[in-house]
Amino acid sequence: MSIELLKDLHLLTRDGKLNADARRKLKQIRHLVGLLRPVLDDAFAAHPAPAIVDCGAGKSYLGFLLYELVLGPAGRGTVLSIESRAELSQAAEARAQRFGHERFRFVAGAIAGAELPADVQLVTALHACDTATDDALALGIVRGAAAIAVVPCCQAEVARQLDTRADRAAVDQCLIEHPLHRRELGSHLTNVVRALCLEACGYKVTVTELVGWEHSLKNELLLARRVFRPERGTRATLASLLERWRIEPALVRALRAAGQDPCAPCDP
């Protein structure tokens, strides 16, 4: 990679060294790119100009590394970076121009309303906060992306829905009695629901650790490949889980609004 680009991204110091924080960040992103290699290889084999969408991109670290390590050497393909904070999107766009990344596009705005190419091969989201990860997943599912990869960050929405005043079985109530346990269970339930939604919409899902805990406490990777065949019984399982915990996460709401209810029975 360009050493000057890494300096410009503050992933290297001015004298080209790595500090501890930059080392952790760079390790996470490079490892994610490595885990995405198989789906990227498939995308480049199947399409002359594959489109990659990075949601909740922040400073676009992931997008720049994807361009430098994959799209640049391939000489084709496009990265589209979506970021709601206009100042970050503008700064990243200026950086892409300085370093000659001509096939790097930027959208300053909400993930749900972003204008995208007609055919999207990969949707990613690295540490998109709370329901922004759900927005990225919904975008990928509704647009029929060939692959979707997300590393969730903070996940508070479902924890707020786990109302301790509700009439629950004692065995369930004890799991959410304390705020810390409620937050941890809410986070776990969120990712379980996300995986089930992907499977219910025709994706094969792998859930794995991104990097060691010493590098990040938010390191769960959900990697999904579209196989056009919902897992048998997944929709009923998802519906039962939502009913048991009396929750309706953002991803479920978004898919229902788009006419793709993940709990509805599949057509024969």
C-alpha atoms as a PDB file:
ATOM      1  CA  MET A   1       0.000   0.000   0.000  1.00  0.00           C
ATOM      2  CA  SER A   2       0.921   3.644  -0.373  1.00  0.00           C
ATOM      3  CA  ILE A   3       2.841   4.720   2.719  1.00  0.00           C
ATOM      4  CA  GLU A   4       1.753   8.306   2.092  1.00  0.00           C
ATOM      5  CA  LEU A   5      -1.895   7.238   2.037  1.00  0.00           C
ATOM      6  CA  LEU A   6      -1.486   5.406   5.349  1.00  0.00           C
ATOM      7  CA  LYS A   7       0.066   8.560   6.802  1.00  0.00           C
ATOM      8  CA  ASP A   8      -2.776  10.652   5.427  1.00  0.00           C
ATOM      9  CA  LEU A   9      -5.263   8.287   7.070  1.00  0.00           C
ATOM     10  CA  HIS A  10      -3.268   8.598  10.326  1.00  0.00           C
ATOM     11  CA  LEU A  11      -2.682   4.857  10.292  1.00  0.00           C
ATOM     12  CA  LEU A  12       1.040   5.648  10.276  1.00  0.00           C
ATOM     13  CA  THR A  13       2.797   8.443  12.091  1.00  0.00           C
ATOM     14  CA  ARG A  14       4.556  11.238  10.174  1.00  0.00           C
ATOM     15  CA  ASP A  15       7.798   9.264  10.223  1.00  0.00           C
ATOM     16  CA  GLY A  16       6.068   6.119   8.929  1.00  0.00           C
ATOM     17  CA  LYS A  17       5.749   4.259  12.248  1.00  0.00           C
ATOM     18  CA  LEU A  18       2.821   2.447  13.806  1.00  0.00           C
ATOM     19  CA  ASN A  19       1.505   3.453  17.209  1.00  0.00           C
ATOM     20  CA  ALA A  20      -0.552   1.038  19.310  1.00  0.00           C
ATOM     21  CA  ASP A  21      -3.963   2.437  18.365  1.00  0.00           C
ATOM     22  CA  ALA A  22      -3.195   2.522  14.632  1.00  0.00           C
ATOM     23  CA  ARG A  23      -1.784  -1.013  14.800  1.00  0.00           C
ATOM     24  CA  ARG A  24      -5.043  -2.331  16.268  1.00  0.00           C
ATOM     25  CA  LYS A  25      -7.143  -0.477  13.695  1.00  0.00           C
ATOM     26  CA  LEU A  26      -4.999  -1.497  10.726  1.00  0.00           C
ATOM     27  CA  LYS A  27      -4.919  -5.131  11.857  1.00  0.00           C
ATOM     28  CA  GLN A  28      -8.717  -5.267  12.025  1.00  0.00           C
ATOM     29  CA  ILE A  29      -9.228  -3.755   8.576  1.00  0.00           C
ATOM     30  CA  ARG A  30      -6.536  -5.805   6.848  1.00  0.00           C
ATOM     31  CA  HIS A  31      -7.840  -8.992   8.455  1.00  0.00           C
ATOM     32  CA  LEU A  32     -11.377  -8.172   7.301  1.00  0.00           C
ATOM     33  CA  VAL A  33     -10.124  -7.616   3.748  1.00  0.00           C
ATOM     34  CA  GLY A  34      -8.427 -11.019   3.955  1.00  0.00           C
ATOM     35  CA  LEU A  35     -11.651 -12.704   5.101  1.00  0.00           C
ATOM     36  CA  LEU A  36     -13.496 -11.023   2.242  1.00  0.00           C
ATOM     37  CA  ARG A  37     -11.046 -12.288  -0.377  1.00  0.00           C
ATOM     38  CA  PRO A  38     -13.142 -15.326  -1.422  1.00  0.00           C
ATOM     39  CA  VAL A  39     -16.299 -13.262  -2.032  1.00  0.00           C
ATOM     40  CA  LEU A  40     -14.235 -10.555  -3.735  1.00  0.00           C
ATOM     41  CA  ASP A  41     -12.613 -13.151  -5.995  1.00  0.00           C
ATOM     42  CA  ASP A  42     -16.076 -14.473  -6.899  1.00  0.00           C
ATOM     43  CA  ALA A  43     -17.316 -10.946  -7.627  1.00  0.00           C
ATOM     44  CA  PHE A  44     -14.401 -10.167  -9.935  1.00  0.00           C
ATOM     45  CA  ALA A  45     -14.758 -13.519 -11.678  1.00  0.00           C
ATOM     46  CA  ALA A  46     -18.468 -13.004 -12.314  1.00  0.00           C
ATOM     47  CA  HIS A  47     -18.594  -9.295 -13.167  1.00  0.00           C
ATOM     48  CA  PRO A  48     -16.470  -7.025 -15.339  1.00  0.00           C
ATOM     49  CA  ALA A  49     -16.869  -4.096 -12.941  1.00  0.00           C
ATOM     50  CA  PRO A  50     -18.106  -5.257  -9.524  1.00  0.00           C
ATOM     51  CA  ALA A  51     -19.662  -2.703  -7.179  1.00  0.00           C
ATOM     52  CA  ILE A  52     -18.770  -2.709  -3.473  1.00  0.00           C
ATOM     53  CA  VAL A  53     -20.834  -0.591  -1.060  1.00  0.00           C
ATOM     54  CA  ASP A  54     -19.339   0.387   2.313  1.00  0.00           C
ATOM     55  CA  CYS A  55     -22.042   1.597   4.717  1.00  0.00           C
ATOM     56  CA  GLY A  56     -21.491   3.852   7.715  1.00  0.00           C
ATOM     57  CA  ALA A  57     -18.010   4.332   6.331  1.00  0.00           C
ATOM     58  CA  GLY A  58     -16.725   6.988   8.736  1.00  0.00           C
ATOM     59  CA  LYS A  59     -13.326   8.067   7.427  1.00  0.00           C
ATOM     60  CA  SER A  60     -13.509   5.265   4.820  1.00  0.00           C
ATOM     61  CA  TYR A  61     -10.551   3.283   6.159  1.00  0.00           C
ATOM     62  CA  LEU A  62     -12.048   0.052   4.832  1.00  0.00           C
ATOM     63  CA  GLY A  63     -12.854   1.562   1.453  1.00  0.00           C
ATOM     64  CA  PHE A  64      -9.328   2.890   0.965  1.00  0.00           C
ATOM     65  CA  LEU A  65      -7.750  -0.441   1.874  1.00  0.00           C
ATOM     66  CA  LEU A  66     -10.135  -2.301  -0.429  1.00  0.00           C
ATOM     67  CA  TYR A  67      -9.194   0.054  -3.241  1.00  0.00           C
ATOM     68  CA  GLU A  68      -5.466  -0.190  -2.605  1.00  0.00           C
ATOM     69  CA  LEU A  69      -5.319  -3.943  -2.066  1.00  0.00           C
ATOM     70  CA  VAL A  70      -8.042  -5.212  -4.413  1.00  0.00           C
ATOM     71  CA  LEU A  71      -9.600  -2.760  -6.869  1.00  0.00           C
ATOM     72  CA  GLY A  72      -6.410  -0.904  -7.719  1.00  0.00           C
ATOM     73  CA  PRO A  73      -4.408  -4.017  -8.690  1.00  0.00           C
ATOM     74  CA  ALA A  74      -7.450  -5.426 -10.534  1.00  0.00           C
ATOM     75  CA  GLY A  75      -7.857  -2.247 -12.558  1.00  0.00           C
ATOM     76  CA  ARG A  76     -11.652  -2.427 -12.403  1.00  0.00           C
ATOM     77  CA  GLY A  77     -14.576  -2.265 -10.025  1.00  0.00           C
ATOM     78  CA  THR A  78     -16.010   0.547  -7.897  1.00  0.00           C
ATOM     79  CA  VAL A  79     -16.206   1.292  -4.189  1.00  0.00           C
ATOM     80  CA  LEU A  80     -19.153   3.401  -3.039  1.00  0.00           C
ATOM     81  CA  SER A  81     -18.830   4.852   0.466  1.00  0.00           C
ATOM     82  CA  ILE A  82     -21.955   5.928   2.375  1.00  0.00           C
ATOM     83  CA  GLU A  83     -21.517   8.192   5.410  1.00  0.00           C
ATOM     84  CA  SER A  84     -24.145  10.344   7.115  1.00  0.00           C
ATOM     85  CA  ARG A  85     -21.622  12.923   8.381  1.00  0.00           C
ATOM     86  CA  ALA A  86     -21.010  15.208   5.424  1.00  0.00           C
ATOM     87  CA  GLU A  87     -17.657  16.478   6.701  1.00  0.00           C
ATOM     88  CA  LEU A  88     -16.218  12.948   6.833  1.00  0.00           C
ATOM     89  CA  SER A  89     -17.541  12.086   3.393  1.00  0.00           C
ATOM     90  CA  GLN A  90     -16.122  15.300   1.902  1.00  0.00           C
ATOM     91  CA  ALA A  91     -12.718  14.741   3.496  1.00  0.00           C
ATOM     92  CA  ALA A  92     -12.600  11.157   2.208  1.00  0.00           C
ATOM     93  CA  GLU A  93     -13.596  12.266  -1.290  1.00  0.00           C
ATOM     94  CA  ALA A  94     -10.816  14.872  -1.321  1.00  0.00           C
ATOM     95  CA  ARG A  95      -8.345  12.222  -0.163  1.00  0.00           C
ATOM     96  CA  ALA A  96      -9.428   9.839  -2.927  1.00  0.00           C
ATOM     97  CA  GLN A  97      -8.859  12.560  -5.503  1.00  0.00           C
ATOM     98  CA  ARG A  98      -5.390  13.335  -4.122  1.00  0.00           C
ATOM     99  CA  PHE A  99      -4.343   9.697  -4.389  1.00  0.00           C
ATOM    100  CA  GLY A 100      -5.874   9.054  -7.798  1.00  0.00           C
ATOM    101  CA  HIS A 101      -8.649   6.690  -6.732  1.00  0.00           C
ATOM    102  CA  GLU A 102     -10.879   7.391  -9.704  1.00  0.00           C
ATOM    103  CA  ARG A 103     -13.324   4.537  -9.060  1.00  0.00           C
ATOM    104  CA  PHE A 104     -14.096   5.580  -5.490  1.00  0.00           C
ATOM    105  CA  ARG A 105     -17.523   7.231  -5.045  1.00  0.00           C
ATOM    106  CA  PHE A 106     -18.961   8.958  -1.981  1.00  0.00           C
ATOM    107  CA  VAL A 107     -22.500   9.531  -0.754  1.00  0.00           C
ATOM    108  CA  ALA A 108     -23.137  11.873   2.163  1.00  0.00           C
ATOM    109  CA  GLY A 109     -26.475  10.848   3.646  1.00  0.00           C
ATOM    110  CA  ALA A 110     -28.535   8.039   5.100  1.00  0.00           C
ATOM    111  CA  ILE A 111     -27.867   4.442   4.111  1.00  0.00           C
ATOM    112  CA  ALA A 112     -31.522   3.733   3.384  1.00  0.00           C
ATOM    113  CA  GLY A 113     -31.872   6.535   0.832  1.00  0.00           C
ATOM    114  CA  ALA A 114     -28.562   6.107  -0.993  1.00  0.00           C
ATOM    115  CA  GLU A 115     -28.560   5.858  -4.776  1.00  0.00           C
ATOM    116  CA  LEU A 116     -26.678   2.738  -5.797  1.00  0.00           C
ATOM    117  CA  PRO A 117     -25.708   0.919  -8.983  1.00  0.00           C
ATOM    118  CA  ALA A 118     -28.337  -1.469 -10.292  1.00  0.00           C
ATOM    119  CA  ASP A 119     -26.164  -4.516  -9.514  1.00  0.00           C
ATOM    120  CA  VAL A 120     -24.302  -4.661  -6.186  1.00  0.00           C
ATOM    121  CA  GLN A 121     -21.911  -7.515  -5.461  1.00  0.00           C
ATOM    122  CA  LEU A 122     -20.834  -6.777  -1.875  1.00  0.00           C
ATOM    123  CA  VAL A 123     -22.242  -4.667   0.957  1.00  0.00           C
ATOM    124  CA  THR A 124     -20.033  -4.081   3.987  1.00  0.00           C
ATOM    125  CA  ALA A 125     -20.297  -2.250   7.299  1.00  0.00           C
ATOM    126  CA  LEU A 126     -17.398  -2.116   9.745  1.00  0.00           C
ATOM    127  CA  HIS A 127     -18.443  -0.919  13.210  1.00  0.00           C
ATOM    128  CA  ALA A 128     -21.529   0.945  12.002  1.00  0.00           C
ATOM    129  CA  CYS A 129     -23.194   1.985  15.250  1.00  0.00           C
ATOM    130  CA  ASP A 130     -26.390   0.429  16.569  1.00  0.00           C
ATOM    131  CA  THR A 131     -29.127   0.327  13.916  1.00  0.00           C
ATOM    132  CA  ALA A 132     -26.825   1.595  11.139  1.00  0.00           C
ATOM    133  CA  THR A 133     -25.690  -2.024  10.820  1.00  0.00           C
ATOM    134  CA  ASP A 134     -29.336  -3.016  10.339  1.00  0.00           C
ATOM    135  CA  ASP A 135     -29.677  -0.346   7.639  1.00  0.00           C
ATOM    136  CA  ALA A 136     -26.676  -1.846   5.842  1.00  0.00           C
ATOM    137  CA  LEU A 137     -28.088  -5.367   6.104  1.00  0.00           C
ATOM    138  CA  ALA A 138     -31.500  -4.250   4.867  1.00  0.00           C
ATOM    139  CA  LEU A 139     -29.906  -2.434   1.937  1.00  0.00           C
ATOM    140  CA  GLY A 140     -27.913  -5.514   0.969  1.00  0.00           C
ATOM    141  CA  ILE A 141     -30.877  -7.881   1.271  1.00  0.00           C
ATOM    142  CA  VAL A 142     -33.363  -5.659  -0.573  1.00  0.00           C
ATOM    143  CA  ARG A 143     -30.868  -4.928  -3.357  1.00  0.00           C
ATOM    144  CA  GLY A 144     -30.003  -8.614  -3.651  1.00  0.00           C
ATOM    145  CA  ALA A 145     -26.276  -8.211  -3.015  1.00  0.00           C
ATOM    146  CA  ALA A 146     -24.301 -11.345  -3.779  1.00  0.00           C
ATOM    147  CA  ALA A 147     -22.530 -11.050  -0.419  1.00  0.00           C
ATOM    148  CA  ILE A 148     -22.969  -9.047   2.775  1.00  0.00           C
ATOM    149  CA  ALA A 149     -20.362  -8.639   5.518  1.00  0.00           C
ATOM    150  CA  VAL A 150     -20.894  -6.669   8.725  1.00  0.00           C
ATOM    151  CA  VAL A 151     -18.930  -6.233  11.936  1.00  0.00           C
ATOM    152  CA  PRO A 152     -21.472  -4.686  14.333  1.00  0.00           C
ATOM    153  CA  CYS A 153     -20.556  -2.033  16.862  1.00  0.00           C
ATOM    154  CA  CYS A 154     -22.681  -0.863  19.808  1.00  0.00           C
ATOM    155  CA  GLN A 155     -26.136  -2.450  19.859  1.00  0.00           C
ATOM    156  CA  ALA A 156     -28.545  -0.743  22.228  1.00  0.00           C
ATOM    157  CA  GLU A 157     -31.923  -0.918  20.510  1.00  0.00           C
ATOM    158  CA  VAL A 158     -33.007  -4.410  21.514  1.00  0.00           C
ATOM    159  CA  ALA A 159     -31.792  -3.919  25.092  1.00  0.00           C
ATOM    160  CA  ARG A 160     -34.208  -0.999  25.325  1.00  0.00           C
ATOM    161  CA  GLN A 161     -37.018  -3.250  24.050  1.00  0.00           C
ATOM    162  CA  LEU A 162     -36.358  -5.851  26.741  1.00  0.00           C
ATOM    163  CA  ASP A 163     -38.748  -4.235  29.213  1.00  0.00           C
ATOM    164  CA  THR A 164     -38.214  -5.774  32.644  1.00  0.00           C
ATOM    165  CA  ARG A 165     -41.801  -4.892  33.602  1.00  0.00           C
ATOM    166  CA  ALA A 166     -43.240  -7.294  31.052  1.00  0.00           C
ATOM    167  CA  ASP A 167     -44.816 -10.524  32.268  1.00  0.00           C
ATOM    168  CA  ARG A 168     -42.146 -13.101  31.453  1.00  0.00           C
ATOM    169  CA  ALA A 169     -41.263 -16.569  32.608  1.00  0.00           C
ATOM    170  CA  ALA A 170     -38.899 -16.457  35.579  1.00  0.00           C
ATOM    171  CA  VAL A 171     -36.133 -18.192  33.605  1.00  0.00           C
ATOM    172  CA  ASP A 172     -36.255 -15.392  31.005  1.00  0.00           C
ATOM    173  CA  GLN A 173     -36.729 -12.597  33.532  1.00  0.00           C
ATOM    174  CA  CYS A 174     -33.549 -13.487  35.413  1.00  0.00           C
ATOM    175  CA  LEU A 175     -31.534 -13.049  32.210  1.00  0.00           C
ATOM    176  CA  ILE A 176     -32.460  -9.365  31.929  1.00  0.00           C
ATOM    177  CA  GLU A 177     -32.933  -8.350  35.555  1.00  0.00           C
ATOM    178  CA  HIS A 178     -29.635  -6.449  35.736  1.00  0.00           C
ATOM    179  CA  PRO A 179     -28.837  -3.668  33.217  1.00  0.00           C
ATOM    180  CA  LEU A 180     -25.450  -5.140  32.297  1.00  0.00           C
ATOM    181  CA  HIS A 181     -26.959  -8.548  31.552  1.00  0.00           C
ATOM    182  CA  ARG A 182     -29.827  -6.915  29.666  1.00  0.00           C
ATOM    183  CA  ARG A 183     -27.384  -5.017  27.465  1.00  0.00           C
ATOM    184  CA  GLU A 184     -25.280  -8.111  26.760  1.00  0.00           C
ATOM    185  CA  LEU A 185     -28.291 -10.300  26.028  1.00  0.00           C
ATOM    186  CA  GLY A 186     -29.769  -7.563  23.855  1.00  0.00           C
ATOM    187  CA  SER A 187     -26.560  -7.410  21.853  1.00  0.00           C
ATOM    188  CA  HIS A 188     -26.495 -11.192  21.430  1.00  0.00           C
ATOM    189  CA  LEU A 189     -30.170 -11.339  20.438  1.00  0.00           C
ATOM    190  CA  THR A 190     -29.586  -8.560  17.901  1.00  0.00           C
ATOM    191  CA  ASN A 191     -26.932 -10.540  16.050  1.00  0.00           C
ATOM    192  CA  VAL A 192     -28.899 -13.785  16.266  1.00  0.00           C
ATOM    193  CA  VAL A 193     -31.898 -12.020  14.694  1.00  0.00           C
ATOM    194  CA  ARG A 194     -29.650 -10.539  12.003  1.00  0.00           C
ATOM    195  CA  ALA A 195     -28.288 -13.949  11.072  1.00  0.00           C
ATOM    196  CA  LEU A 196     -31.772 -15.474  11.004  1.00  0.00           C
ATOM    197  CA  CYS A 197     -33.074 -12.633   8.812  1.00  0.00           C
ATOM    198  CA  LEU A 198     -30.268 -13.219   6.328  1.00  0.00           C
ATOM    199  CA  GLU A 199     -30.970 -16.958   6.247  1.00  0.00           C
ATOM    200  CA  ALA A 200     -34.710 -16.322   5.892  1.00  0.00           C
ATOM    201  CA  CYS A 201     -33.987 -14.131   2.852  1.00  0.00           C
ATOM    202  CA  GLY A 202     -31.860 -16.693   1.013  1.00  0.00           C
ATOM    203  CA  TYR A 203     -28.341 -16.189   2.370  1.00  0.00           C
ATOM    204  CA  LYS A 204     -25.879 -18.712   3.772  1.00  0.00           C
ATOM    205  CA  VAL A 205     -24.413 -17.161   6.933  1.00  0.00           C
ATOM    206  CA  THR A 206     -21.107 -17.646   8.703  1.00  0.00           C
ATOM    207  CA  VAL A 207     -20.586 -16.050  12.117  1.00  0.00           C
ATOM    208  CA  THR A 208     -17.002 -15.803  13.288  1.00  0.00           C
ATOM    209  CA  GLU A 209     -14.531 -13.730  15.280  1.00  0.00           C
ATOM    210  CA  LEU A 210     -12.834 -10.968  13.326  1.00  0.00           C
ATOM    211  CA  VAL A 211      -9.725 -10.461  15.476  1.00  0.00           C
ATOM    212  CA  GLY A 212      -8.644 -11.239  19.031  1.00  0.00           C
ATOM    213  CA  TRP A 213     -10.252  -9.440  21.956  1.00  0.00           C
ATOM    214  CA  GLU A 214      -7.011  -7.560  22.574  1.00  0.00           C
ATOM    215  CA  HIS A 215      -7.631  -5.607  19.365  1.00  0.00           C
ATOM    216  CA  SER A 216     -11.359  -4.888  19.681  1.00  0.00           C
ATOM    217  CA  LEU A 217     -14.289  -5.818  21.920  1.00  0.00           C
ATOM    218  CA  LYS A 218     -16.574  -5.460  18.889  1.00  0.00           C
ATOM    219  CA  ASN A 219     -15.248  -8.242  16.715  1.00  0.00           C
ATOM    220  CA  GLU A 220     -18.141 -10.458  15.587  1.00  0.00           C
ATOM    221  CA  LEU A 221     -18.260 -10.886  11.817  1.00  0.00           C
ATOM    222  CA  LEU A 222     -21.467 -11.875  10.022  1.00  0.00           C
ATOM    223  CA  LEU A 223     -20.586 -12.958   6.488  1.00  0.00           C
ATOM    224  CA  ALA A 224     -23.445 -13.927   4.178  1.00  0.00           C
ATOM    225  CA  ARG A 225     -23.485 -15.291   0.626  1.00  0.00           C
ATOM    226  CA  ARG A 226     -26.686 -15.283  -1.395  1.00  0.00           C
ATOM    227  CA  VAL A 227     -27.798 -18.801  -2.284  1.00  0.00           C
ATOM    228  CA  PHE A 228     -31.438 -17.969  -3.244  1.00  0.00           C
ATOM    229  CA  ARG A 229     -32.747 -20.683  -0.911  1.00  0.00           C
ATOM    230  CA  PRO A 230     -34.055 -19.790   2.563  1.00  0.00           C
ATOM    231  CA  GLU A 231     -33.041 -22.216   5.285  1.00  0.00           C
ATOM    232  CA  ARG A 232     -35.905 -24.582   6.086  1.00  0.00           C
ATOM    233  CA  GLY A 233     -37.732 -23.569   9.270  1.00  0.00           C
ATOM    234  CA  THR A 234     -35.758 -20.353   9.738  1.00  0.00           C
ATOM    235  CA  ARG A 235     -38.753 -18.037   9.379  1.00  0.00           C
ATOM    236  CA  ALA A 236     -40.756 -19.922  11.984  1.00  0.00           C
ATOM    237  CA  THR A 237     -37.767 -19.941  14.336  1.00  0.00           C
ATOM    238  CA  LEU A 238     -37.303 -16.197  13.895  1.00  0.00           C
ATOM    239  CA  ALA A 239     -40.988 -15.507  14.508  1.00  0.00           C
ATOM    240  CA  SER A 240     -40.897 -17.606  17.700  1.00  0.00           C
ATOM    241  CA  LEU A 241     -37.781 -15.808  18.944  1.00  0.00           C
ATOM    242  CA  LEU A 242     -39.304 -12.370  18.381  1.00  0.00           C
ATOM    243  CA  GLU A 243     -42.513 -13.425  20.095  1.00  0.00           C
ATOM    244  CA  ARG A 244     -40.746 -14.968  23.074  1.00  0.00           C
ATOM    245  CA  TRP A 245     -38.697 -11.845  23.793  1.00  0.00           C
ATOM    246  CA  ARG A 246     -41.329  -9.379  22.528  1.00  0.00           C
ATOM    247  CA  ILE A 247     -38.883  -7.501  20.354  1.00  0.00           C
ATOM    248  CA  GLU A 248     -38.959  -6.062  16.847  1.00  0.00           C
ATOM    249  CA  PRO A 249     -35.415  -5.025  15.845  1.00  0.00           C
ATOM    250  CA  ALA A 250     -34.721  -2.414  13.187  1.00  0.00           C
ATOM    251  CA  LEU A 251     -33.762  -4.983  10.544  1.00  0.00           C
ATOM    252  CA  VAL A 252     -37.082  -6.802  10.893  1.00  0.00           C
ATOM    253  CA  ARG A 253     -38.988  -3.509  10.626  1.00  0.00           C
ATOM    254  CA  ALA A 254     -36.983  -2.415   7.582  1.00  0.00           C
ATOM    255  CA  LEU A 255     -37.520  -5.701   5.738  1.00  0.00           C
ATOM    256  CA  ARG A 256     -41.245  -5.648   6.487  1.00  0.00           C
ATOM    257  CA  ALA A 257     -41.467  -2.073   5.202  1.00  0.00           C
ATOM    258  CA  ALA A 258     -39.727  -3.212   2.005  1.00  0.00           C
ATOM    259  CA  GLY A 259     -42.218  -6.038   1.507  1.00  0.00           C
ATOM    260  CA  GLN A 260     -39.770  -8.781   2.525  1.00  0.00           C
ATOM    261  CA  ASP A 261     -41.108  -9.887   5.909  1.00  0.00           C
ATOM    262  CA  PRO A 262     -38.516 -12.413   7.183  1.00  0.00           C
ATOM    263  CA  CYS A 263     -41.147 -14.116   9.321  1.00  0.00           C
ATOM    264  CA  ALA A 264     -43.732 -14.642   6.587  1.00  0.00           C
ATOM    265  CA  PRO A 265     -44.046 -18.192   5.225  1.00  0.00           C
ATOM    266  CA  CYS A 266     -42.087 -18.776   2.027  1.00  0.00           C
ATOM    267  CA  ASP A 267     -43.909 -19.175  -1.249  1.00  0.00           C
ATOM    268  CA  PRO A 268     -44.120 -22.822  -2.357  1.00  0.00           C
END
